[in-house]
Amino acid sequence: MISFKQLPIEAKAAVAAGVVFFSMMLSRSYLAEKLDFRMRRWLLRLQMALFANTLMLMGSLHVWRSTVTTFTRSSAASSFCFMLWKIAVFLFLALAHSSFFTLLFLVAEEPYFFSLAAYTCLGAYIILIFFLFTLGSVEQAYKFLAGRGAKAGTGNKNRTALKPVLAVLLTVVLTVVGLLNASQPPTVNSVEIPVHKLPSTMNNLKVVLLSDIHLGPTVGKTKLAMIVRMVKALKPDITVIVGDLTDAEAKIIRPAVEPLGELDSPLGTYFVTGNHEYYTSDVSNWFELLKSFNIQPLHNENVKIVSPKSTSDWFCLAGVDDIEADVLHYSGHGMDLKKALRGCSSEHAIVLLAHQPIAAKWALQERPDINLILSGHTHGGQIFPLNAGAYLLNPFFVGLYKVGQNTFVYVSPGTMYYGIPMRLGSRAEITEIILRSP
């Protein structure tokens, strides 16, 4: 029997990742109710950081072998430039690995340069791994089809060297493009949605949808202030924030949240939790902070949105807790659609706020009379090549979907970004929704 010491380092990393993942599941199932919020918050974030890093270790070994070890037998291996290249690759990998720990130590009113650099390297790391794997697969397929898999020669050596060079060049180009794309203000996307049973006096009611701002290591007060200015310029009747507003504790990042106090939609500003609010283990404090800015959390509850033109005309605006609260066994929280829609009958239009598209799907299975669901969570994939995974894992990916005869689901691609300050194959968005009466 092979001992743990005899295993290759990739296998050891895989075992370590498995151990950390098991400890995460154990903590969620048995320790959630026994630990205080502060201890649970640190334990959860530390476990997530360790899990991500153990998984990344396997990829980092492949990156090192492809971009450094491959060239150690070349004539340039003893040069000063190659030594600088080795240092650059090491620093790149170290920064990428450190990104997950910035949530523990580097969160403030404005992002630290180190956090921005670390998460940029993480984004580049994901792109580089993809191209190394893809080009490697193409190379193996070529060898197989050409029938030269067992032959070694100058041509093979050149192709082996070409693969990492091409992967690095593609990664650099796409990283720059992604950074430039994400640095732009969110686009304002105007969408008209017919809402069954919406009173005629509420025709053309304007709802501004925000989602996935992710205040934390790489998004701070300046970005949020820009978003608030853009929202105010649209003059919405209602503003809704459908989760993942933050990745940090309310007390630590409170100064960055202050621009939200300038939102002044006449029919109110409303908020529902996303999965990342529960990762902070600080939801109650966030609710209190948002209330101080006249933003009403919809904690499995609803409000009547009354027409400014007729007090007898209204529709039901409801919100559910994110489904991650159930996974984490977060006390007093969890998606409860029956409670959220208590008093909302099919005689009036129903609009539901639910962070994750899978929650939207579950809600429609239970209450097909819901007329409109507003969600986020997917980020439109945020960066290539994660777009494909986000598309496959969510029943609604991004944009407007019609379900049945009288129901629509709109999924925001996110108003900012999570961690990695890049956008590839997606664009940050502030959604201006015009509700149409049939």
Protein backbone atom coordinates (compact mmCIF):
# COMPACT_ATOMS: atom_id res chain seq x y z
CA MET A 1 0.00 0.00 0.00
CA ILE A 2 1.30 3.47 -0.97
CA SER A 3 1.82 5.77 1.99
CA PHE A 4 0.84 9.45 1.96
CA LYS A 5 4.52 10.45 1.76
CA GLN A 6 4.95 8.43 -1.43
CA LEU A 7 2.07 10.15 -3.22
CA PRO A 8 2.92 12.76 -5.87
CA ILE A 9 2.41 16.33 -4.70
CA GLU A 10 -0.70 16.75 -6.89
CA ALA A 11 -2.31 13.80 -5.14
CA LYS A 12 -1.35 15.21 -1.74
CA ALA A 13 -3.00 18.51 -2.70
CA ALA A 14 -6.15 16.66 -3.77
CA VAL A 15 -6.26 14.79 -0.44
CA ALA A 16 -5.76 18.05 1.46
CA ALA A 17 -8.60 19.67 -0.51
CA GLY A 18 -10.82 16.73 0.34
CA VAL A 19 -10.01 17.03 4.05
CA VAL A 20 -10.76 20.78 4.05
CA PHE A 21 -14.01 20.23 2.14
CA PHE A 22 -15.08 17.54 4.63
CA SER A 23 -14.31 19.89 7.52
CA MET A 24 -16.45 22.59 5.84
CA MET A 25 -19.40 20.22 5.53
CA LEU A 26 -18.91 19.07 9.12
CA SER A 27 -18.84 22.66 10.35
CA ARG A 28 -21.99 23.55 8.43
CA SER A 29 -23.88 20.53 9.72
CA TYR A 30 -22.82 20.27 13.35
CA LEU A 31 -21.03 23.43 14.49
CA ALA A 32 -23.17 26.18 12.97
CA GLU A 33 -25.48 26.43 16.00
CA LYS A 34 -22.71 25.97 18.58
CA LEU A 35 -20.28 28.71 17.51
CA ASP A 36 -20.80 32.43 17.98
CA PHE A 37 -21.00 34.61 14.87
CA ARG A 38 -17.43 35.89 15.05
CA MET A 39 -15.89 32.43 15.39
CA ARG A 40 -18.15 31.01 12.68
CA ARG A 41 -17.28 33.88 10.34
CA TRP A 42 -13.54 33.33 10.70
CA LEU A 43 -13.80 29.57 10.51
CA LEU A 44 -15.93 29.65 7.35
CA ARG A 45 -13.70 32.14 5.54
CA LEU A 46 -10.52 30.36 6.59
CA GLN A 47 -11.90 27.03 5.40
CA MET A 48 -12.96 28.51 2.07
CA ALA A 49 -9.54 30.14 1.59
CA LEU A 50 -7.72 26.90 2.42
CA PHE A 51 -10.00 24.85 0.18
CA ALA A 52 -9.46 27.20 -2.77
CA ASN A 53 -5.70 27.22 -2.22
CA THR A 54 -5.36 23.45 -2.00
CA LEU A 55 -7.29 23.11 -5.27
CA MET A 56 -5.18 25.84 -6.88
CA LEU A 57 -1.97 24.13 -5.80
CA MET A 58 -2.50 21.44 -8.43
CA GLY A 59 -2.92 24.09 -11.11
CA SER A 60 0.03 26.09 -9.84
CA LEU A 61 2.32 23.09 -10.15
CA HIS A 62 1.20 22.68 -13.75
CA VAL A 63 1.79 26.38 -14.44
CA TRP A 64 5.29 26.20 -12.97
CA ARG A 65 6.21 23.11 -14.93
CA SER A 66 4.81 24.56 -18.16
CA THR A 67 6.30 28.04 -17.89
CA VAL A 68 9.54 27.38 -15.97
CA THR A 69 10.59 23.72 -15.78
CA THR A 70 10.02 23.24 -19.53
CA PHE A 71 12.81 25.71 -20.27
CA THR A 72 15.38 24.61 -17.66
CA ARG A 73 17.28 22.51 -20.20
CA SER A 74 17.43 25.27 -22.79
CA SER A 75 20.48 27.43 -23.39
CA ALA A 76 18.69 30.41 -21.81
CA ALA A 77 18.15 28.64 -18.49
CA SER A 78 21.30 30.10 -16.93
CA SER A 79 20.62 33.66 -18.07
CA PHE A 80 19.69 36.58 -15.85
CA CYS A 81 16.46 37.10 -17.80
CA PHE A 82 15.36 33.53 -17.06
CA MET A 83 16.02 34.11 -13.35
CA LEU A 84 13.79 37.21 -13.49
CA TRP A 85 11.14 35.16 -15.28
CA LYS A 86 11.20 32.51 -12.53
CA ILE A 87 10.79 35.22 -9.89
CA ALA A 88 7.91 36.78 -11.85
CA VAL A 89 6.08 33.45 -12.18
CA PHE A 90 6.58 32.72 -8.47
CA LEU A 91 5.25 36.15 -7.46
CA PHE A 92 2.32 35.77 -9.83
CA LEU A 93 1.33 32.44 -8.28
CA ALA A 94 1.89 33.73 -4.73
CA LEU A 95 -0.36 36.74 -5.35
CA ALA A 96 -3.08 34.56 -6.90
CA HIS A 97 -3.02 32.25 -3.88
CA SER A 98 -3.10 35.15 -1.41
CA SER A 99 -6.25 36.71 -2.93
CA PHE A 100 -8.61 34.58 -0.85
CA PHE A 101 -6.99 35.72 2.39
CA THR A 102 -7.57 39.43 1.71
CA LEU A 103 -11.14 39.00 2.98
CA LEU A 104 -9.68 38.23 6.38
CA PHE A 105 -7.17 41.06 6.62
CA LEU A 106 -7.50 43.70 3.89
CA VAL A 107 -11.00 45.19 3.74
CA ALA A 108 -11.52 48.93 4.15
CA GLU A 109 -13.40 51.93 2.78
CA GLU A 110 -11.37 51.76 -0.43
CA PRO A 111 -9.54 48.74 -1.90
CA TYR A 112 -5.90 48.18 -1.06
CA PHE A 113 -3.53 47.99 -4.03
CA PHE A 114 -2.37 44.57 -2.82
CA SER A 115 -5.94 43.22 -2.97
CA LEU A 116 -6.45 44.55 -6.48
CA ALA A 117 -3.14 43.04 -7.61
CA ALA A 118 -3.87 39.70 -5.94
CA TYR A 119 -7.32 39.33 -7.48
CA THR A 120 -6.03 40.45 -10.88
CA CYS A 121 -3.47 37.65 -10.69
CA LEU A 122 -6.25 35.25 -9.71
CA GLY A 123 -8.21 36.20 -12.83
CA ALA A 124 -5.11 35.82 -15.00
CA TYR A 125 -4.39 32.48 -13.28
CA ILE A 126 -7.82 31.13 -14.30
CA ILE A 127 -7.33 32.25 -17.90
CA LEU A 128 -3.79 30.83 -18.05
CA ILE A 129 -4.86 27.44 -16.67
CA PHE A 130 -7.58 27.28 -19.32
CA PHE A 131 -5.22 28.00 -22.21
CA LEU A 132 -2.51 25.65 -20.95
CA PHE A 133 -5.07 22.87 -20.69
CA THR A 134 -6.69 23.65 -24.05
CA LEU A 135 -3.42 23.97 -25.96
CA GLY A 136 -2.10 20.84 -24.26
CA SER A 137 -5.21 18.93 -25.32
CA VAL A 138 -4.83 20.19 -28.91
CA GLU A 139 -1.18 19.12 -28.88
CA GLN A 140 -2.04 15.63 -27.66
CA ALA A 141 -4.82 15.32 -30.23
CA TYR A 142 -2.43 16.39 -32.99
CA LYS A 143 0.16 13.80 -31.91
CA PHE A 144 -2.48 11.09 -31.83
CA LEU A 145 -3.94 11.94 -35.22
CA ALA A 146 -0.51 12.36 -36.81
CA GLY A 147 0.59 9.01 -35.42
CA ARG A 148 3.80 10.43 -34.01
CA GLY A 149 3.06 10.14 -30.29
CA ALA A 150 6.12 8.00 -29.64
CA LYS A 151 8.54 10.07 -31.72
CA ALA A 152 10.70 12.79 -30.28
CA GLY A 153 12.42 15.44 -32.31
CA THR A 154 13.16 19.10 -32.80
CA GLY A 155 9.61 19.76 -34.05
CA ASN A 156 8.10 18.31 -30.89
CA LYS A 157 10.43 20.33 -28.67
CA ASN A 158 9.53 23.53 -30.51
CA ARG A 159 5.82 22.85 -30.13
CA THR A 160 6.30 22.10 -26.43
CA ALA A 161 8.00 25.45 -25.97
CA LEU A 162 5.43 27.25 -28.11
CA LYS A 163 2.48 26.13 -25.99
CA PRO A 164 3.33 28.04 -22.75
CA VAL A 165 4.52 31.10 -24.69
CA LEU A 166 1.24 31.30 -26.60
CA ALA A 167 -0.79 30.67 -23.41
CA VAL A 168 1.02 33.46 -21.55
CA LEU A 169 0.58 35.92 -24.43
CA LEU A 170 -3.15 35.18 -24.70
CA THR A 171 -3.50 35.51 -20.93
CA VAL A 172 -1.77 38.91 -20.85
CA VAL A 173 -3.93 40.26 -23.68
CA LEU A 174 -7.21 39.02 -22.18
CA THR A 175 -6.26 40.22 -18.70
CA VAL A 176 -5.68 43.75 -19.98
CA VAL A 177 -8.95 43.65 -21.94
CA GLY A 178 -10.81 42.33 -18.88
CA LEU A 179 -9.38 45.02 -16.60
CA LEU A 180 -10.30 47.79 -19.05
CA ASN A 181 -13.81 46.40 -19.48
CA ALA A 182 -14.44 46.17 -15.72
CA SER A 183 -13.04 49.67 -15.12
CA GLN A 184 -15.85 51.19 -17.19
CA PRO A 185 -19.07 52.37 -15.48
CA PRO A 186 -21.88 49.81 -15.60
CA THR A 187 -24.00 50.02 -18.71
CA VAL A 188 -27.62 51.10 -18.21
CA ASN A 189 -29.89 48.49 -19.79
CA SER A 190 -33.52 49.53 -20.20
CA VAL A 191 -36.03 46.66 -20.38
CA GLU A 192 -39.80 46.82 -20.76
CA ILE A 193 -41.63 43.95 -19.06
CA PRO A 194 -45.40 43.37 -19.24
CA VAL A 195 -46.75 42.48 -15.79
CA HIS A 196 -50.03 40.59 -15.70
CA LYS A 197 -52.65 42.29 -13.50
CA LEU A 198 -50.53 45.40 -12.96
CA PRO A 199 -53.02 48.28 -12.48
CA SER A 200 -53.23 50.69 -15.41
CA THR A 201 -52.42 53.55 -13.04
CA MET A 202 -49.00 51.92 -12.51
CA ASN A 203 -48.20 51.57 -16.20
CA ASN A 204 -44.63 52.71 -16.95
CA LEU A 205 -43.58 52.36 -13.31
CA LYS A 206 -39.77 52.39 -13.24
CA VAL A 207 -37.81 49.88 -11.17
CA VAL A 208 -34.01 50.06 -11.03
CA LEU A 209 -32.37 46.71 -10.35
CA LEU A 210 -28.95 46.41 -8.69
CA SER A 211 -27.21 43.16 -7.89
CA ASP A 212 -23.83 41.72 -6.94
CA ILE A 213 -21.99 44.90 -6.00
CA HIS A 214 -19.69 42.96 -3.66
CA LEU A 215 -18.33 45.69 -1.42
CA GLY A 216 -15.11 44.22 -0.09
CA PRO A 217 -11.45 43.76 -1.07
CA THR A 218 -11.76 45.22 -4.59
CA VAL A 219 -14.92 47.37 -4.53
CA GLY A 220 -15.18 50.37 -2.22
CA LYS A 221 -16.90 53.69 -1.60
CA THR A 222 -15.86 55.38 -4.85
CA LYS A 223 -17.42 52.64 -6.99
CA LEU A 224 -20.60 52.59 -4.90
CA ALA A 225 -20.92 56.39 -5.06
CA MET A 226 -20.70 56.19 -8.86
CA ILE A 227 -23.47 53.57 -8.92
CA VAL A 228 -25.70 55.69 -6.68
CA ARG A 229 -25.21 58.75 -8.92
CA MET A 230 -26.20 56.71 -11.96
CA VAL A 231 -29.29 55.36 -10.20
CA LYS A 232 -30.40 58.82 -9.08
CA ALA A 233 -30.03 60.11 -12.64
CA LEU A 234 -32.55 57.47 -13.79
CA LYS A 235 -35.15 58.76 -11.27
CA PRO A 236 -36.66 55.36 -10.47
CA ASP A 237 -39.95 54.89 -8.64
CA ILE A 238 -38.46 51.88 -6.84
CA THR A 239 -34.88 50.65 -6.36
CA VAL A 240 -34.19 47.01 -5.53
CA ILE A 241 -30.90 45.35 -4.55
CA VAL A 242 -31.11 41.59 -5.06
CA GLY A 243 -28.25 40.33 -2.95
CA ASP A 244 -24.48 40.11 -2.72
CA LEU A 245 -24.15 43.75 -1.76
CA THR A 246 -21.17 42.90 0.42
CA ASP A 247 -18.39 40.48 1.29
CA ALA A 248 -17.45 42.06 4.60
CA GLU A 249 -18.78 42.78 8.07
CA ALA A 250 -20.99 45.83 8.46
CA LYS A 251 -18.81 47.47 11.10
CA ILE A 252 -15.59 47.18 9.08
CA ILE A 253 -16.94 48.53 5.81
CA ARG A 254 -19.61 50.93 7.06
CA PRO A 255 -17.94 54.09 5.63
CA ALA A 256 -18.04 52.55 2.15
CA VAL A 257 -21.80 51.98 2.40
CA GLU A 258 -22.70 55.61 3.16
CA PRO A 259 -23.54 56.55 -0.48
CA LEU A 260 -26.57 54.25 -0.24
CA GLY A 261 -28.15 56.84 2.05
CA GLU A 262 -28.56 59.09 -1.00
CA LEU A 263 -30.99 56.73 -2.72
CA ASP A 264 -34.37 58.41 -2.58
CA SER A 265 -36.81 56.44 -4.74
CA PRO A 266 -40.32 57.68 -3.87
CA LEU A 267 -41.83 54.19 -3.51
CA GLY A 268 -38.87 52.85 -1.56
CA THR A 269 -35.58 50.99 -1.80
CA TYR A 270 -35.60 47.27 -0.97
CA PHE A 271 -33.00 44.59 -0.37
CA VAL A 272 -32.81 40.80 -0.20
CA THR A 273 -29.85 38.71 0.87
CA GLY A 274 -27.49 36.88 -1.45
CA ASN A 275 -25.23 33.97 -0.60
CA HIS A 276 -22.30 36.28 0.19
CA GLU A 277 -24.23 38.10 2.91
CA TYR A 278 -24.39 34.79 4.75
CA TYR A 279 -20.68 34.20 4.25
CA THR A 280 -20.13 37.38 6.30
CA SER A 281 -22.11 35.83 9.20
CA ASP A 282 -23.22 39.38 9.93
CA VAL A 283 -26.68 39.62 8.35
CA SER A 284 -28.47 41.13 11.34
CA ASN A 285 -26.01 44.01 11.53
CA TRP A 286 -26.33 44.54 7.81
CA PHE A 287 -30.11 44.73 8.12
CA GLU A 288 -29.80 47.39 10.82
CA LEU A 289 -27.24 49.35 8.79
CA LEU A 290 -29.41 49.30 5.67
CA LYS A 291 -32.47 50.38 7.65
CA SER A 292 -30.48 53.39 8.88
CA PHE A 293 -30.17 54.39 5.21
CA ASN A 294 -33.94 53.92 4.63
CA ILE A 295 -33.40 50.68 2.73
CA GLN A 296 -35.91 48.02 3.72
CA PRO A 297 -34.71 44.40 3.86
CA LEU A 298 -37.37 41.92 2.74
CA HIS A 299 -36.60 39.00 5.06
CA ASN A 300 -39.13 36.46 3.73
CA GLU A 301 -41.74 39.21 3.68
CA ASN A 302 -43.61 41.51 1.35
CA VAL A 303 -44.86 45.07 1.02
CA LYS A 304 -47.72 46.59 -0.92
CA ILE A 305 -46.50 49.02 -3.55
CA VAL A 306 -49.38 51.47 -3.85
CA SER A 307 -49.97 53.51 -6.98
CA PRO A 308 -49.19 57.22 -6.55
CA LYS A 309 -52.34 57.91 -8.59
CA SER A 310 -54.82 55.68 -6.75
CA THR A 311 -54.56 54.22 -3.24
CA SER A 312 -56.80 51.32 -4.27
CA ASP A 313 -54.29 50.13 -6.89
CA TRP A 314 -51.26 48.15 -5.75
CA PHE A 315 -49.07 45.17 -6.38
CA CYS A 316 -47.19 42.84 -4.04
CA LEU A 317 -43.40 43.16 -3.83
CA ALA A 318 -41.93 40.18 -1.96
CA GLY A 319 -38.43 39.03 -1.11
CA VAL A 320 -36.95 35.72 0.05
CA ASP A 321 -33.74 34.92 1.91
CA ASP A 322 -31.01 33.38 -0.19
CA ILE A 323 -30.98 29.58 -0.31
CA GLU A 324 -27.39 29.51 1.02
CA ALA A 325 -28.84 30.33 4.47
CA ASP A 326 -30.34 26.83 4.52
CA VAL A 327 -27.05 25.23 3.47
CA LEU A 328 -25.19 27.10 6.22
CA HIS A 329 -27.92 26.44 8.81
CA TYR A 330 -27.98 30.18 9.46
CA SER A 331 -30.30 30.62 12.44
CA GLY A 332 -33.57 32.42 11.68
CA HIS A 333 -32.90 32.57 7.95
CA GLY A 334 -33.64 30.50 4.88
CA MET A 335 -35.85 30.69 1.82
CA ASP A 336 -39.49 30.61 2.97
CA LEU A 337 -41.75 31.41 0.03
CA LYS A 338 -45.00 30.82 1.89
CA LYS A 339 -44.06 33.36 4.53
CA ALA A 340 -42.75 35.80 1.93
CA LEU A 341 -46.00 35.68 -0.08
CA ARG A 342 -48.36 35.69 2.89
CA GLY A 343 -51.21 38.00 1.89
CA CYS A 344 -50.15 38.10 -1.79
CA SER A 345 -53.04 36.63 -3.75
CA SER A 346 -53.27 36.02 -7.48
CA GLU A 347 -55.82 38.83 -7.68
CA HIS A 348 -52.93 41.29 -7.67
CA ALA A 349 -49.63 41.31 -9.53
CA ILE A 350 -46.75 39.67 -7.65
CA VAL A 351 -43.09 40.68 -8.07
CA LEU A 352 -40.52 38.55 -6.24
CA LEU A 353 -36.90 39.34 -5.39
CA ALA A 354 -34.78 36.19 -5.18
CA HIS A 355 -31.00 36.33 -5.49
CA GLN A 356 -30.28 33.01 -7.20
CA PRO A 357 -31.96 31.85 -10.43
CA ILE A 358 -32.39 28.38 -8.93
CA ALA A 359 -34.49 30.02 -6.19
CA ALA A 360 -36.56 31.66 -8.94
CA LYS A 361 -37.15 28.24 -10.51
CA TRP A 362 -38.20 26.73 -7.16
CA ALA A 363 -40.51 29.67 -6.48
CA LEU A 364 -42.32 29.24 -9.78
CA GLN A 365 -42.74 25.53 -9.16
CA GLU A 366 -44.50 26.36 -5.88
CA ARG A 367 -46.30 29.52 -6.96
CA PRO A 368 -46.74 29.72 -10.74
CA ASP A 369 -48.92 32.82 -10.27
CA ILE A 370 -45.83 34.97 -9.59
CA ASN A 371 -45.67 37.50 -12.44
CA LEU A 372 -42.07 38.72 -12.29
CA ILE A 373 -38.93 37.51 -10.52
CA LEU A 374 -35.78 39.63 -10.32
CA SER A 375 -32.51 37.79 -9.68
CA GLY A 376 -28.74 38.12 -9.98
CA HIS A 377 -25.94 35.82 -8.79
CA THR A 378 -24.60 34.58 -12.15
CA HIS A 379 -22.56 37.72 -13.06
CA GLY A 380 -23.08 36.59 -16.65
CA GLY A 381 -20.08 34.38 -15.91
CA GLN A 382 -18.00 37.53 -15.22
CA ILE A 383 -14.84 36.30 -16.95
CA PHE A 384 -14.00 33.82 -19.66
CA PRO A 385 -13.84 30.81 -19.31
CA LEU A 386 -16.17 30.78 -16.26
CA ASN A 387 -19.11 31.87 -18.44
CA ALA A 388 -19.79 28.33 -19.63
CA GLY A 389 -19.91 26.96 -16.08
CA ALA A 390 -22.28 29.71 -14.92
CA TYR A 391 -24.52 29.03 -17.91
CA LEU A 392 -24.72 25.29 -17.22
CA LEU A 393 -25.25 25.62 -13.46
CA ASN A 394 -28.18 28.04 -13.56
CA PRO A 395 -31.70 27.51 -14.98
CA PHE A 396 -31.72 31.19 -16.02
CA PHE A 397 -28.38 32.67 -16.99
CA VAL A 398 -28.68 36.37 -17.81
CA GLY A 399 -31.31 38.69 -19.24
CA LEU A 400 -35.07 38.29 -19.69
CA TYR A 401 -36.89 34.95 -19.78
CA LYS A 402 -40.58 34.24 -20.31
CA VAL A 403 -41.96 31.31 -18.32
CA GLY A 404 -45.49 30.18 -19.19
CA GLN A 405 -48.09 32.71 -20.26
CA ASN A 406 -47.85 35.44 -17.64
CA THR A 407 -44.46 35.14 -15.90
CA PHE A 408 -41.08 36.72 -16.58
CA VAL A 409 -37.70 36.22 -14.94
CA TYR A 410 -34.96 38.81 -15.27
CA VAL A 411 -31.40 37.91 -14.24
CA SER A 412 -28.96 40.78 -13.78
CA PRO A 413 -25.35 40.18 -14.87
CA GLY A 414 -24.28 42.13 -11.76
CA THR A 415 -23.62 45.79 -11.11
CA MET A 416 -19.93 45.35 -10.23
CA TYR A 417 -17.88 42.16 -9.88
CA TYR A 418 -16.82 39.63 -7.29
CA GLY A 419 -13.17 39.92 -6.26
CA ILE A 420 -11.50 39.74 -9.67
CA PRO A 421 -11.64 43.28 -11.14
CA MET A 422 -12.17 41.92 -14.64
CA ARG A 423 -15.01 41.35 -17.10
CA LEU A 424 -14.61 39.07 -20.14
CA GLY A 425 -17.64 38.00 -22.13
CA SER A 426 -19.92 39.95 -19.78
CA ARG A 427 -20.65 43.54 -18.83
CA ALA A 428 -21.62 45.11 -15.51
CA GLU A 429 -25.14 46.49 -15.60
CA ILE A 430 -27.64 48.75 -13.90
CA THR A 431 -31.04 47.58 -15.11
CA GLU A 432 -33.86 50.05 -15.70
CA ILE A 433 -37.07 48.00 -15.76
CA ILE A 434 -40.22 49.63 -17.10
CA LEU A 435 -43.30 47.77 -15.87
CA ARG A 436 -46.07 47.65 -18.46
CA SER A 437 -49.72 47.15 -17.63
CA PRO A 438 -51.41 44.69 -20.02
